[in-house]
Amino acid sequence: MDTWFALIGGPASGCIGALLGVLAGKGIARRLVLGIWRCCIAWGILCLIGALVAFKTGQPDYVGETLLIYGVIYTTIFSTIWPIAKKRYREHEIRRMASMDATGH
């Protein structure tokens, strides 16, 4: 179970992060991207809580360690890049509004 979780979860996490980064960089699908971003941060926090519970209840080390790794990675990476993504969307919105003002639409 632990191996499959790591083998599938790692590349899936990378693909999700890359997709969110590309969409945020282009200013596309703001609500969807920021919603998924929040879910990723929440997932990281839940993994950290799960790791704490696993260590406290005497689960095998690989259970708690896997959850701890995912929790730390998801929470730190997605929380750190969150303000950058929001700023990017704001910049796209300002550019869009300036363009509409210039063209009179």
Protein backbone atom coordinates (compact mmCIF):
# COMPACT_ATOMS: atom_id res chain seq x y z
CA MET A 1 0.00 0.00 0.00
CA ASP A 2 2.74 2.42 0.98
CA THR A 3 4.68 1.80 -2.23
CA TRP A 4 1.65 2.28 -4.46
CA PHE A 5 0.70 5.45 -2.62
CA ALA A 6 4.19 6.84 -3.21
CA LEU A 7 4.46 5.61 -6.80
CA ILE A 8 1.13 7.08 -7.84
CA GLY A 9 0.99 10.06 -5.50
CA GLY A 10 4.38 11.54 -6.36
CA PRO A 11 3.94 11.87 -10.11
CA ALA A 12 0.28 12.85 -9.70
CA SER A 13 1.32 15.62 -7.32
CA GLY A 14 3.87 16.86 -9.82
CA CYS A 15 1.35 16.86 -12.64
CA ILE A 16 -1.22 18.71 -10.55
CA GLY A 17 1.34 21.31 -9.52
CA ALA A 18 2.56 21.78 -13.09
CA LEU A 19 -0.98 22.13 -14.44
CA LEU A 20 -1.93 24.65 -11.77
CA GLY A 21 1.26 26.61 -12.41
CA VAL A 22 0.68 26.77 -16.15
CA LEU A 23 -2.97 27.77 -15.80
CA ALA A 24 -2.17 30.40 -13.17
CA GLY A 25 0.68 31.75 -15.29
CA LYS A 26 -1.65 32.20 -18.24
CA GLY A 27 -4.46 33.60 -16.10
CA ILE A 28 -6.89 30.84 -17.09
CA ALA A 29 -9.60 29.18 -14.94
CA ARG A 30 -9.06 31.31 -11.85
CA ARG A 31 -11.78 29.84 -9.64
CA LEU A 32 -10.93 26.25 -10.56
CA VAL A 33 -7.19 26.69 -10.07
CA LEU A 34 -7.46 28.53 -6.77
CA GLY A 35 -10.05 26.01 -5.54
CA ILE A 36 -7.80 23.07 -6.35
CA TRP A 37 -4.90 24.97 -4.80
CA ARG A 38 -6.85 25.31 -1.54
CA CYS A 39 -7.69 21.61 -1.65
CA CYS A 40 -3.99 20.76 -2.04
CA ILE A 41 -3.12 22.88 0.99
CA ALA A 42 -5.93 21.21 2.96
CA TRP A 43 -4.70 17.78 1.81
CA GLY A 44 -1.22 18.62 3.11
CA ILE A 45 -2.61 19.65 6.47
CA LEU A 46 -4.71 16.48 6.67
CA CYS A 47 -1.65 14.38 5.87
CA LEU A 48 0.27 16.11 8.67
CA ILE A 49 -2.58 15.40 11.09
CA GLY A 50 -2.73 11.80 9.85
CA ALA A 51 1.00 11.42 10.40
CA LEU A 52 0.68 12.72 13.93
CA VAL A 53 -2.15 10.28 14.64
CA ALA A 54 -0.20 7.41 13.05
CA PHE A 55 2.87 8.10 15.20
CA LYS A 56 0.79 8.50 18.38
CA THR A 57 -1.22 5.29 17.85
CA GLY A 58 1.80 3.10 17.15
CA GLN A 59 1.24 2.48 13.46
CA PRO A 60 4.20 1.13 11.48
CA ASP A 61 6.78 3.80 10.73
CA TYR A 62 6.21 3.70 6.97
CA VAL A 63 2.59 4.81 7.45
CA GLY A 64 3.43 7.91 9.45
CA GLU A 65 6.54 8.71 7.41
CA THR A 66 4.68 8.63 4.09
CA LEU A 67 1.94 10.88 5.42
CA LEU A 68 4.53 13.19 6.96
CA ILE A 69 6.43 13.52 3.67
CA TYR A 70 3.28 14.29 1.68
CA GLY A 71 2.05 16.67 4.35
CA VAL A 72 5.28 18.65 4.46
CA ILE A 73 5.63 18.80 0.68
CA TYR A 74 2.03 19.75 -0.07
CA THR A 75 1.74 22.26 2.75
CA THR A 76 5.02 24.05 2.14
CA ILE A 77 5.02 24.12 -1.64
CA PHE A 78 1.39 25.02 -2.22
CA SER A 79 1.27 27.50 0.68
CA THR A 80 4.46 29.20 -0.49
CA ILE A 81 3.34 29.60 -4.09
CA TRP A 82 -0.27 30.57 -3.21
CA PRO A 83 0.41 34.35 -2.95
CA ILE A 84 2.34 34.28 -6.24
CA ALA A 85 -0.57 32.64 -8.05
CA LYS A 86 -3.06 35.13 -6.63
CA LYS A 87 -0.78 38.01 -7.66
CA ARG A 88 -0.53 36.57 -11.17
CA TYR A 89 -4.30 36.44 -11.51
CA ARG A 90 -4.57 40.04 -10.25
CA GLU A 91 -2.02 41.14 -12.85
CA HIS A 92 -3.96 39.41 -15.63
CA GLU A 93 -7.18 41.04 -14.45
CA ILE A 94 -5.59 44.50 -14.39
CA ARG A 95 -4.18 43.95 -17.90
CA ARG A 96 -7.58 42.78 -19.13
CA MET A 97 -9.32 45.83 -17.64
CA ALA A 98 -6.68 48.20 -19.10
CA SER A 99 -7.16 46.59 -22.49
CA MET A 100 -10.93 47.00 -22.24
CA ASP A 101 -10.50 50.67 -21.27
CA ALA A 102 -8.14 51.29 -24.20
CA THR A 103 -10.45 49.67 -26.75
CA GLY A 104 -13.62 51.17 -25.29
CA HIS A 105 -15.37 47.86 -24.54
